[in-house]
PDB file of N, CA and C in Angstrom:
ATOM      1  N   UNK A   1       0.824  -1.186   0.000  1.00  0.00           N
ATOM      2  CA  UNK A   1       0.000   0.000   0.000  1.00  0.00           C
ATOM      3  C   UNK A   1       0.871   1.253   0.000  1.00  0.00           C
ATOM      4  N   UNK A   2       1.597   1.469   1.066  1.00  0.00           N
ATOM      5  CA  UNK A   2       2.453   2.635   1.138  1.00  0.00           C
ATOM      6  C   UNK A   2       1.921   3.757   2.004  1.00  0.00           C
ATOM      7  N   UNK A   3       0.615   3.804   2.248  1.00  0.00           N
ATOM      8  CA  UNK A   3       0.055   4.914   3.016  1.00  0.00           C
ATOM      9  C   UNK A   3       0.560   4.940   4.453  1.00  0.00           C
ATOM     10  N   UNK A   4       1.030   3.807   4.942  1.00  0.00           N
ATOM     11  CA  UNK A   4       1.531   3.785   6.312  1.00  0.00           C
ATOM     12  C   UNK A   4       2.802   4.620   6.466  1.00  0.00           C
ATOM     13  N   UNK A   5       3.449   4.946   5.354  1.00  0.00           N
ATOM     14  CA  UNK A   5       4.662   5.756   5.387  1.00  0.00           C
ATOM     15  C   UNK A   5       4.380   7.252   5.220  1.00  0.00           C
ATOM     16  N   UNK A   6       3.134   7.614   4.970  1.00  0.00           N
ATOM     17  CA  UNK A   6       2.789   9.013   4.701  1.00  0.00           C
ATOM     18  C   UNK A   6       3.167   9.973   5.828  1.00  0.00           C
ATOM     19  N   UNK A   7       2.856   9.679   7.096  1.00  0.00           N
ATOM     20  CA  UNK A   7       3.211  10.641   8.150  1.00  0.00           C
ATOM     21  C   UNK A   7       4.707  10.952   8.196  1.00  0.00           C
ATOM     22  N   UNK A   8       5.536   9.927   8.108  1.00  0.00           N
ATOM     23  CA  UNK A   8       6.985  10.157   8.145  1.00  0.00           C
ATOM     24  C   UNK A   8       7.458  10.903   6.908  1.00  0.00           C
ATOM     25  N   UNK A   9       6.883  10.595   5.762  1.00  0.00           N
ATOM     26  CA  UNK A   9       7.258  11.281   4.522  1.00  0.00           C
ATOM     27  C   UNK A   9       6.892  12.761   4.594  1.00  0.00           C
ATOM     28  N   UNK A  10       5.733  13.055   5.164  1.00  0.00           N
ATOM     29  CA  UNK A  10       5.309  14.454   5.286  1.00  0.00           C
ATOM     30  C   UNK A  10       6.215  15.212   6.242  1.00  0.00           C
ATOM     31  N   UNK A  11       6.602  14.563   7.340  1.00  0.00           N
ATOM     32  CA  UNK A  11       7.527  15.210   8.276  1.00  0.00           C
ATOM     33  C   UNK A  11       8.888  15.435   7.614  1.00  0.00           C
ATOM     34  N   UNK A  12       9.371  14.419   6.886  1.00  0.00           N
ATOM     35  CA  UNK A  12      10.665  14.530   6.221  1.00  0.00           C
ATOM     36  C   UNK A  12      10.652  15.628   5.158  1.00  0.00           C
ATOM     37  N   UNK A  13       9.501  15.877   4.566  1.00  0.00           N
ATOM     38  CA  UNK A  13       9.376  16.911   3.540  1.00  0.00           C
ATOM     39  C   UNK A  13       9.269  18.311   4.140  1.00  0.00           C
ATOM     40  N   UNK A  14       9.221  18.401   5.479  1.00  0.00           N
ATOM     41  CA  UNK A  14       9.209  19.705   6.132  1.00  0.00           C
ATOM     42  C   UNK A  14       7.824  20.253   6.430  1.00  0.00           C
ATOM     43  N   UNK A  15       6.809  19.424   6.426  1.00  0.00           N
ATOM     44  CA  UNK A  15       5.451  19.903   6.664  1.00  0.00           C
ATOM     45  C   UNK A  15       5.299  20.579   8.034  1.00  0.00           C
ATOM     46  N   UNK A  16       5.857  19.970   9.066  1.00  0.00           N
ATOM     47  CA  UNK A  16       5.722  20.550  10.406  1.00  0.00           C
ATOM     48  C   UNK A  16       6.356  21.935  10.468  1.00  0.00           C
ATOM     49  N   UNK A  17       7.523  22.075   9.882  1.00  0.00           N
ATOM     50  CA  UNK A  17       8.212  23.368   9.871  1.00  0.00           C
ATOM     51  C   UNK A  17       7.403  24.399   9.091  1.00  0.00           C
ATOM     52  N   UNK A  18       6.883  23.996   7.957  1.00  0.00           N
ATOM     53  CA  UNK A  18       6.120  24.935   7.124  1.00  0.00           C
ATOM     54  C   UNK A  18       4.816  25.372   7.786  1.00  0.00           C
ATOM     55  N   UNK A  19       4.224  24.491   8.556  1.00  0.00           N
ATOM     56  CA  UNK A  19       2.994  24.839   9.270  1.00  0.00           C
ATOM     57  C   UNK A  19       3.284  25.496  10.613  1.00  0.00           C
ATOM     58  N   UNK A  20       4.563  25.519  10.982  1.00  0.00           N
ATOM     59  CA  UNK A  20       4.990  26.079  12.255  1.00  0.00           C
ATOM     60  C   UNK A  20       4.293  25.374  13.424  1.00  0.00           C
ATOM     61  N   UNK A  21       4.350  24.041  13.388  1.00  0.00           N
ATOM     62  CA  UNK A  21       3.752  23.236  14.446  1.00  0.00           C
ATOM     63  C   UNK A  21       4.792  22.282  15.017  1.00  0.00           C
ATOM     64  N   UNK A  22       4.453  21.714  16.145  1.00  0.00           N
ATOM     65  CA  UNK A  22       5.338  20.808  16.848  1.00  0.00           C
ATOM     66  C   UNK A  22       4.731  19.407  16.835  1.00  0.00           C
ATOM     67  N   UNK A  23       5.565  18.411  16.647  1.00  0.00           N
ATOM     68  CA  UNK A  23       5.106  17.022  16.689  1.00  0.00           C
ATOM     69  C   UNK A  23       4.840  16.657  18.140  1.00  0.00           C
ATOM     70  N   UNK A  24       3.627  16.166  18.434  1.00  0.00           N
ATOM     71  CA  UNK A  24       3.298  15.864  19.828  1.00  0.00           C
ATOM     72  C   UNK A  24       2.908  14.414  20.082  1.00  0.00           C
ATOM     73  N   UNK A  25       2.384  13.718  19.086  1.00  0.00           N
ATOM     74  CA  UNK A  25       1.933  12.353  19.342  1.00  0.00           C
ATOM     75  C   UNK A  25       1.748  11.592  18.043  1.00  0.00           C
ATOM     76  N   UNK A  26       1.699  10.287  18.182  1.00  0.00           N
ATOM     77  CA  UNK A  26       1.419   9.418  17.045  1.00  0.00           C
ATOM     78  C   UNK A  26       0.288   8.481  17.432  1.00  0.00           C
ATOM     79  N   UNK A  27      -0.675   8.359  16.562  1.00  0.00           N
ATOM     80  CA  UNK A  27      -1.775   7.427  16.766  1.00  0.00           C
ATOM     81  C   UNK A  27      -1.691   6.413  15.631  1.00  0.00           C
ATOM     82  N   UNK A  28      -1.352   5.198  15.971  1.00  0.00           N
ATOM     83  CA  UNK A  28      -1.189   4.173  14.946  1.00  0.00           C
ATOM     84  C   UNK A  28      -2.545   3.673  14.460  1.00  0.00           C
ATOM     85  N   UNK A  29      -2.729   3.634  13.149  1.00  0.00           N
ATOM     86  CA  UNK A  29      -4.001   3.149  12.612  1.00  0.00           C
ATOM     87  C   UNK A  29      -4.130   1.648  12.795  1.00  0.00           C
ATOM     88  N   UNK A  30      -5.355   1.144  12.761  1.00  0.00           N
ATOM     89  CA  UNK A  30      -5.542  -0.301  12.879  1.00  0.00           C
ATOM     90  C   UNK A  30      -5.003  -1.010  11.642  1.00  0.00           C
ATOM     91  N   UNK A  31      -4.676  -2.272  11.821  1.00  0.00           N
ATOM     92  CA  UNK A  31      -4.212  -3.063  10.684  1.00  0.00           C
ATOM     93  C   UNK A  31      -5.350  -3.232   9.683  1.00  0.00           C
ATOM     94  N   UNK A  32      -4.991  -3.306   8.417  1.00  0.00           N
ATOM     95  CA  UNK A  32      -5.983  -3.489   7.359  1.00  0.00           C
ATOM     96  C   UNK A  32      -6.640  -4.849   7.510  1.00  0.00           C
ATOM     97  N   UNK A  33      -7.942  -4.860   7.360  1.00  0.00           N
ATOM     98  CA  UNK A  33      -8.712  -6.100   7.416  1.00  0.00           C
ATOM     99  C   UNK A  33      -9.675  -6.085   6.240  1.00  0.00           C
ATOM    100  N   UNK A  34      -9.547  -7.022   5.338  1.00  0.00           N
ATOM    101  CA  UNK A  34     -10.349  -7.024   4.116  1.00  0.00           C
ATOM    102  C   UNK A  34     -11.724  -7.671   4.295  1.00  0.00           C
ATOM    103  N   UNK A  35     -11.994  -8.200   5.491  1.00  0.00           N
ATOM    104  CA  UNK A  35     -13.294  -8.840   5.727  1.00  0.00           C
ATOM    105  C   UNK A  35     -14.343  -7.780   6.070  1.00  0.00           C
ATOM    106  N   UNK A  36     -15.459  -7.821   5.378  1.00  0.00           N
ATOM    107  CA  UNK A  36     -16.533  -6.855   5.622  1.00  0.00           C
ATOM    108  C   UNK A  36     -17.343  -7.244   6.860  1.00  0.00           C
ATOM    109  N   UNK A  37     -17.743  -6.252   7.613  1.00  0.00           N
ATOM    110  CA  UNK A  37     -18.615  -6.442   8.759  1.00  0.00           C
ATOM    111  C   UNK A  37     -19.965  -6.917   8.235  1.00  0.00           C
ATOM    112  N   UNK A  38     -20.479  -7.966   8.814  1.00  0.00           N
ATOM    113  CA  UNK A  38     -21.733  -8.551   8.313  1.00  0.00           C
ATOM    114  C   UNK A  38     -22.924  -7.612   8.454  1.00  0.00           C
ATOM    115  N   UNK A  39     -22.933  -6.809   9.489  1.00  0.00           N
ATOM    116  CA  UNK A  39     -24.070  -5.914   9.735  1.00  0.00           C
ATOM    117  C   UNK A  39     -24.010  -4.643   8.881  1.00  0.00           C
ATOM    118  N   UNK A  40     -22.834  -4.026   8.814  1.00  0.00           N
ATOM    119  CA  UNK A  40     -22.721  -2.733   8.129  1.00  0.00           C
ATOM    120  C   UNK A  40     -22.151  -2.835   6.719  1.00  0.00           C
ATOM    121  N   UNK A  41     -21.503  -3.952   6.433  1.00  0.00           N
ATOM    122  CA  UNK A  41     -20.784  -4.173   5.170  1.00  0.00           C
ATOM    123  C   UNK A  41     -19.564  -3.268   5.011  1.00  0.00           C
ATOM    124  N   UNK A  42     -19.168  -2.602   6.093  1.00  0.00           N
ATOM    125  CA  UNK A  42     -17.973  -1.769   6.080  1.00  0.00           C
ATOM    126  C   UNK A  42     -16.748  -2.618   6.387  1.00  0.00           C
ATOM    127  N   UNK A  43     -15.586  -2.113   6.011  1.00  0.00           N
ATOM    128  CA  UNK A  43     -14.337  -2.780   6.336  1.00  0.00           C
ATOM    129  C   UNK A  43     -13.842  -2.294   7.694  1.00  0.00           C
ATOM    130  N   UNK A  44     -13.720  -3.214   8.629  1.00  0.00           N
ATOM    131  CA  UNK A  44     -13.109  -2.931   9.929  1.00  0.00           C
ATOM    132  C   UNK A  44     -13.748  -1.780  10.712  1.00  0.00           C
ATOM    133  N   UNK A  45     -15.070  -1.702  10.793  1.00  0.00           N
ATOM    134  CA  UNK A  45     -15.701  -0.531  11.420  1.00  0.00           C
ATOM    135  C   UNK A  45     -15.387  -0.356  12.903  1.00  0.00           C
ATOM    136  N   UNK A  46     -15.273  -1.431  13.656  1.00  0.00           N
ATOM    137  CA  UNK A  46     -15.013  -1.297  15.098  1.00  0.00           C
ATOM    138  C   UNK A  46     -13.613  -0.751  15.351  1.00  0.00           C
ATOM    139  N   UNK A  47     -12.654  -1.241  14.587  1.00  0.00           N
ATOM    140  CA  UNK A  47     -11.286  -0.745  14.755  1.00  0.00           C
ATOM    141  C   UNK A  47     -11.178   0.708  14.298  1.00  0.00           C
ATOM    142  N   UNK A  48     -11.873   1.062  13.236  1.00  0.00           N
ATOM    143  CA  UNK A  48     -11.856   2.448  12.760  1.00  0.00           C
ATOM    144  C   UNK A  48     -12.497   3.369  13.794  1.00  0.00           C
ATOM    145  N   UNK A  49     -13.544   2.893  14.441  1.00  0.00           N
ATOM    146  CA  UNK A  49     -14.190   3.683  15.495  1.00  0.00           C
ATOM    147  C   UNK A  49     -13.232   3.935  16.650  1.00  0.00           C
ATOM    148  N   UNK A  50     -12.548   2.877  17.097  1.00  0.00           N
ATOM    149  CA  UNK A  50     -11.568   3.025  18.188  1.00  0.00           C
ATOM    150  C   UNK A  50     -10.450   3.988  17.786  1.00  0.00           C
ATOM    151  N   UNK A  51      -9.948   3.831  16.569  1.00  0.00           N
ATOM    152  CA  UNK A  51      -8.874   4.697  16.075  1.00  0.00           C
ATOM    153  C   UNK A  51      -9.333   6.148  16.017  1.00  0.00           C
ATOM    154  N   UNK A  52     -10.526   6.371  15.522  1.00  0.00           N
ATOM    155  CA  UNK A  52     -11.051   7.736  15.407  1.00  0.00           C
ATOM    156  C   UNK A  52     -11.169   8.399  16.772  1.00  0.00           C
ATOM    157  N   UNK A  53     -11.599   7.637  17.772  1.00  0.00           N
ATOM    158  CA  UNK A  53     -11.702   8.179  19.131  1.00  0.00           C
ATOM    159  C   UNK A  53     -10.323   8.511  19.700  1.00  0.00           C
ATOM    160  N   UNK A  54      -9.358   7.632  19.463  1.00  0.00           N
ATOM    161  CA  UNK A  54      -7.994   7.891  19.930  1.00  0.00           C
ATOM    162  C   UNK A  54      -7.443   9.156  19.275  1.00  0.00           C
ATOM    163  N   UNK A  55      -7.640   9.269  17.991  1.00  0.00           N
ATOM    164  CA  UNK A  55      -7.158  10.432  17.257  1.00  0.00           C
ATOM    165  C   UNK A  55      -7.821  11.713  17.756  1.00  0.00           C
ATOM    166  N   UNK A  56      -9.119  11.657  17.971  1.00  0.00           N
ATOM    167  CA  UNK A  56      -9.845  12.826  18.478  1.00  0.00           C
ATOM    168  C   UNK A  56      -9.339  13.233  19.852  1.00  0.00           C
ATOM    169  N   UNK A  57      -9.048  12.270  20.711  1.00  0.00           N
ATOM    170  CA  UNK A  57      -8.534  12.590  22.053  1.00  0.00           C
ATOM    171  C   UNK A  57      -7.177  13.269  21.974  1.00  0.00           C
ATOM    172  N   UNK A  58      -6.302  12.789  21.099  1.00  0.00           N
ATOM    173  CA  UNK A  58      -4.986  13.411  20.949  1.00  0.00           C
ATOM    174  C   UNK A  58      -5.126  14.843  20.447  1.00  0.00           C
ATOM    175  N   UNK A  59      -5.960  15.043  19.446  1.00  0.00           N
ATOM    176  CA  UNK A  59      -6.164  16.385  18.888  1.00  0.00           C
ATOM    177  C   UNK A  59      -6.772  17.311  19.951  1.00  0.00           C
ATOM    178  N   UNK A  60      -7.756  16.818  20.691  1.00  0.00           N
ATOM    179  CA  UNK A  60      -8.394  17.644  21.718  1.00  0.00           C
ATOM    180  C   UNK A  60      -7.388  18.051  22.803  1.00  0.00           C
ATOM    181  N   UNK A  61      -6.494  17.156  23.157  1.00  0.00           N
ATOM    182  CA  UNK A  61      -5.487  17.481  24.186  1.00  0.00           C
ATOM    183  C   UNK A  61      -4.487  18.509  23.699  1.00  0.00           C
ATOM    184  N   UNK A  62      -4.233  18.533  22.413  1.00  0.00           N
ATOM    185  CA  UNK A  62      -3.288  19.495  21.846  1.00  0.00           C
ATOM    186  C   UNK A  62      -3.927  20.873  21.741  1.00  0.00           C
ATOM    187  N   UNK A  63      -5.203  20.896  21.383  1.00  0.00           N
ATOM    188  CA  UNK A  63      -5.902  22.176  21.239  1.00  0.00           C
ATOM    189  C   UNK A  63      -6.174  22.760  22.610  1.00  0.00           C
TER     190      UNK A  63
END
């Protein structure tokens, strides 16, 4: 896939410096799961929900 390398690539390209921000935390995304949820037909909805909450908490603590 390659998307797992995006955060480091963006930092290496100077994004943090250009935005004048400081790196404060990393929230690791859930592993890819190609099996669809039987109820919602979404891919990995429970893990995405947990990840989204973790990400929101980190952002809220920074703001």
